[in-house]
Amino acid sequence: MRPEPAFEAPWHAQLFALTVHLNEAGLFAWPDWAARFGATLKQNGLERDLNGGDDYFAAWLETLETLLADSGAAAPDAVQQMRTKWEAAYLRTPHGMAVKL
């Protein structure tokens, strides 16, 4: 029997890996991350069920962006500019191909 993948989508795995990397690089302590993520899940979970898929990782991304902004590691306008660039790259990439920024 083949095990199910740990992540539903590649971006879930990439976001998880990025967060772990930033923690290991000393950008934030894991207990702080866990507390913030728990608060985001609670906030978002009141409006809808979070199933570990896109909703869960959207909350994960929201938490990471807020954490980076609060720490001064990434200004909100820089994050928005990068998000816009990634969205444009995603939209112009044919289905099944790797997105290139």
C-alpha atoms as a PDB file:
ATOM      1  CA  MET A   1       0.000   0.000   0.000  1.00  0.00           C
ATOM      2  CA  ARG A   2       1.382   3.353  -1.033  1.00  0.00           C
ATOM      3  CA  PRO A   3       1.369   6.041   1.699  1.00  0.00           C
ATOM      4  CA  GLU A   4      -0.540   9.260   1.076  1.00  0.00           C
ATOM      5  CA  PRO A   5       1.623  12.333   0.489  1.00  0.00           C
ATOM      6  CA  ALA A   6       2.311  14.471   3.550  1.00  0.00           C
ATOM      7  CA  PHE A   7       1.261  17.601   1.650  1.00  0.00           C
ATOM      8  CA  GLU A   8      -1.662  18.077  -0.728  1.00  0.00           C
ATOM      9  CA  ALA A   9       0.169  20.584  -2.936  1.00  0.00           C
ATOM     10  CA  PRO A  10       3.802  21.441  -3.665  1.00  0.00           C
ATOM     11  CA  TRP A  11       3.400  24.956  -2.292  1.00  0.00           C
ATOM     12  CA  HIS A  12       2.351  23.490   1.069  1.00  0.00           C
ATOM     13  CA  ALA A  13       5.633  21.587   1.286  1.00  0.00           C
ATOM     14  CA  GLN A  14       7.637  24.595   0.097  1.00  0.00           C
ATOM     15  CA  LEU A  15       6.017  26.892   2.649  1.00  0.00           C
ATOM     16  CA  PHE A  16       6.650  24.368   5.408  1.00  0.00           C
ATOM     17  CA  ALA A  17      10.303  23.989   4.368  1.00  0.00           C
ATOM     18  CA  LEU A  18      10.783  27.759   4.167  1.00  0.00           C
ATOM     19  CA  THR A  19       9.361  28.198   7.658  1.00  0.00           C
ATOM     20  CA  VAL A  20      11.622  25.498   9.082  1.00  0.00           C
ATOM     21  CA  HIS A  21      14.620  27.055   7.319  1.00  0.00           C
ATOM     22  CA  LEU A  22      13.872  30.532   8.706  1.00  0.00           C
ATOM     23  CA  ASN A  23      13.521  29.053  12.192  1.00  0.00           C
ATOM     24  CA  GLU A  24      16.801  27.168  11.871  1.00  0.00           C
ATOM     25  CA  ALA A  25      18.470  30.362  10.622  1.00  0.00           C
ATOM     26  CA  GLY A  26      17.454  32.012  13.900  1.00  0.00           C
ATOM     27  CA  LEU A  27      14.845  34.399  12.529  1.00  0.00           C
ATOM     28  CA  PHE A  28      12.317  33.321  15.144  1.00  0.00           C
ATOM     29  CA  ALA A  29      11.880  30.811  17.960  1.00  0.00           C
ATOM     30  CA  TRP A  30       9.603  27.852  17.292  1.00  0.00           C
ATOM     31  CA  PRO A  31       7.481  28.417  20.445  1.00  0.00           C
ATOM     32  CA  ASP A  32       6.718  31.961  19.201  1.00  0.00           C
ATOM     33  CA  TRP A  33       5.824  30.550  15.781  1.00  0.00           C
ATOM     34  CA  ALA A  34       3.572  27.899  17.317  1.00  0.00           C
ATOM     35  CA  ALA A  35       1.726  30.441  19.485  1.00  0.00           C
ATOM     36  CA  ARG A  36       1.171  32.786  16.545  1.00  0.00           C
ATOM     37  CA  PHE A  37       0.070  29.990  14.228  1.00  0.00           C
ATOM     38  CA  GLY A  38      -2.300  28.636  16.851  1.00  0.00           C
ATOM     39  CA  ALA A  39      -3.858  32.105  17.208  1.00  0.00           C
ATOM     40  CA  THR A  40      -4.244  32.397  13.414  1.00  0.00           C
ATOM     41  CA  LEU A  41      -5.838  28.952  13.198  1.00  0.00           C
ATOM     42  CA  LYS A  42      -8.222  29.812  16.006  1.00  0.00           C
ATOM     43  CA  GLN A  43      -9.131  33.104  14.350  1.00  0.00           C
ATOM     44  CA  ASN A  44      -9.667  31.522  10.934  1.00  0.00           C
ATOM     45  CA  GLY A  45     -11.205  28.341  12.290  1.00  0.00           C
ATOM     46  CA  LEU A  46     -14.082  30.268  13.799  1.00  0.00           C
ATOM     47  CA  GLU A  47     -15.214  31.186  10.286  1.00  0.00           C
ATOM     48  CA  ARG A  48     -14.661  27.855   8.563  1.00  0.00           C
ATOM     49  CA  ASP A  49     -13.253  24.383   9.125  1.00  0.00           C
ATOM     50  CA  LEU A  50      -9.555  24.054   8.389  1.00  0.00           C
ATOM     51  CA  ASN A  51      -8.775  20.675   6.844  1.00  0.00           C
ATOM     52  CA  GLY A  52      -4.987  20.703   6.490  1.00  0.00           C
ATOM     53  CA  GLY A  53      -5.267  21.724   2.848  1.00  0.00           C
ATOM     54  CA  ASP A  54      -5.243  25.143   1.246  1.00  0.00           C
ATOM     55  CA  ASP A  55      -7.115  26.817   4.120  1.00  0.00           C
ATOM     56  CA  TYR A  56      -4.609  25.486   6.627  1.00  0.00           C
ATOM     57  CA  PHE A  57      -1.615  26.605   4.612  1.00  0.00           C
ATOM     58  CA  ALA A  58      -3.186  29.973   3.799  1.00  0.00           C
ATOM     59  CA  ALA A  59      -3.336  30.486   7.580  1.00  0.00           C
ATOM     60  CA  TRP A  60       0.285  29.262   7.770  1.00  0.00           C
ATOM     61  CA  LEU A  61       1.324  31.810   5.139  1.00  0.00           C
ATOM     62  CA  GLU A  62      -0.616  34.581   6.874  1.00  0.00           C
ATOM     63  CA  THR A  63       1.195  33.762  10.112  1.00  0.00           C
ATOM     64  CA  LEU A  64       4.620  33.700   8.471  1.00  0.00           C
ATOM     65  CA  GLU A  65       4.061  36.995   6.668  1.00  0.00           C
ATOM     66  CA  THR A  66       2.904  38.657   9.893  1.00  0.00           C
ATOM     67  CA  LEU A  67       5.823  37.227  11.847  1.00  0.00           C
ATOM     68  CA  LEU A  68       8.338  38.467   9.273  1.00  0.00           C
ATOM     69  CA  ALA A  69       6.724  41.913   9.200  1.00  0.00           C
ATOM     70  CA  ASP A  70       6.624  42.159  13.003  1.00  0.00           C
ATOM     71  CA  SER A  71      10.285  41.164  13.274  1.00  0.00           C
ATOM     72  CA  GLY A  72      11.338  43.637  10.569  1.00  0.00           C
ATOM     73  CA  ALA A  73      12.684  40.801   8.404  1.00  0.00           C
ATOM     74  CA  ALA A  74      10.290  41.603   5.557  1.00  0.00           C
ATOM     75  CA  ALA A  75       8.364  44.818   5.080  1.00  0.00           C
ATOM     76  CA  PRO A  76       4.681  44.298   4.220  1.00  0.00           C
ATOM     77  CA  ASP A  77       5.053  46.232   0.947  1.00  0.00           C
ATOM     78  CA  ALA A  78       7.998  44.027  -0.084  1.00  0.00           C
ATOM     79  CA  VAL A  79       5.949  40.925   0.720  1.00  0.00           C
ATOM     80  CA  GLN A  80       3.044  42.252  -1.362  1.00  0.00           C
ATOM     81  CA  GLN A  81       5.347  43.043  -4.298  1.00  0.00           C
ATOM     82  CA  MET A  82       6.781  39.517  -4.200  1.00  0.00           C
ATOM     83  CA  ARG A  83       3.287  38.020  -3.919  1.00  0.00           C
ATOM     84  CA  THR A  84       2.234  40.018  -7.006  1.00  0.00           C
ATOM     85  CA  LYS A  85       5.294  38.817  -8.950  1.00  0.00           C
ATOM     86  CA  TRP A  86       4.630  35.186  -8.018  1.00  0.00           C
ATOM     87  CA  GLU A  87       0.974  35.480  -8.976  1.00  0.00           C
ATOM     88  CA  ALA A  88       1.888  36.904 -12.380  1.00  0.00           C
ATOM     89  CA  ALA A  89       4.463  34.148 -12.907  1.00  0.00           C
ATOM     90  CA  TYR A  90       1.942  31.498 -11.894  1.00  0.00           C
ATOM     91  CA  LEU A  91      -0.714  32.834 -14.247  1.00  0.00           C
ATOM     92  CA  ARG A  92       1.604  32.844 -17.250  1.00  0.00           C
ATOM     93  CA  THR A  93       2.962  29.333 -16.603  1.00  0.00           C
ATOM     94  CA  PRO A  94       1.339  26.478 -18.549  1.00  0.00           C
ATOM     95  CA  HIS A  95      -0.367  23.841 -16.415  1.00  0.00           C
ATOM     96  CA  GLY A  96       2.037  21.172 -15.230  1.00  0.00           C
ATOM     97  CA  MET A  97       5.158  23.286 -15.746  1.00  0.00           C
ATOM     98  CA  ALA A  98       7.358  24.677 -12.976  1.00  0.00           C
ATOM     99  CA  VAL A  99       6.658  28.291 -12.091  1.00  0.00           C
ATOM    100  CA  LYS A 100       9.668  30.523 -12.722  1.00  0.00           C
ATOM    101  CA  LEU A 101       9.887  33.922 -11.162  1.00  0.00           C
END
